[in-house]
Amino acid sequence: MPEASAPGGTLAEVIRRVHGGGRYVDPALAADALTAPECPLTPRELDVLRPAELATPVSEVSHCTSLSIGSVRNHLSAAVSTLKVANRAEAFRTTTRSPAGSGA
């Protein structure tokens, strides 16, 4: 959305545009997205890392992702190694802090 300090006319124009089926993309947000580094993790590593966010047991992540327990451990290990962090909790925090991690 436009900044709170934007003139009322600008806000009204954006509302009319969106109401009419158009889109509005904040220029600063678009610039951040275009300049964000690409996520180094594979889509599968991200799929496994998301449900493994805190202390979720590997068996539960395995069930959620329909992967074997060994595959889940391999993907988590690869994510930790790729991100050069100490554990999966740090890997999860790294990917959620980074705009690139949220999309891949």
Foldseek 3Di string as FASTA:
>chain_A
DDDPPDDPVVVVVQVVQVVVVHDDDDPVVVVLVVPFDADPADPVLLLLLVVPQDPPDLVVSCVVVVHDSVVSVVSQVVLCVVVVHDGSNVSNVVLVVGPNSVPD
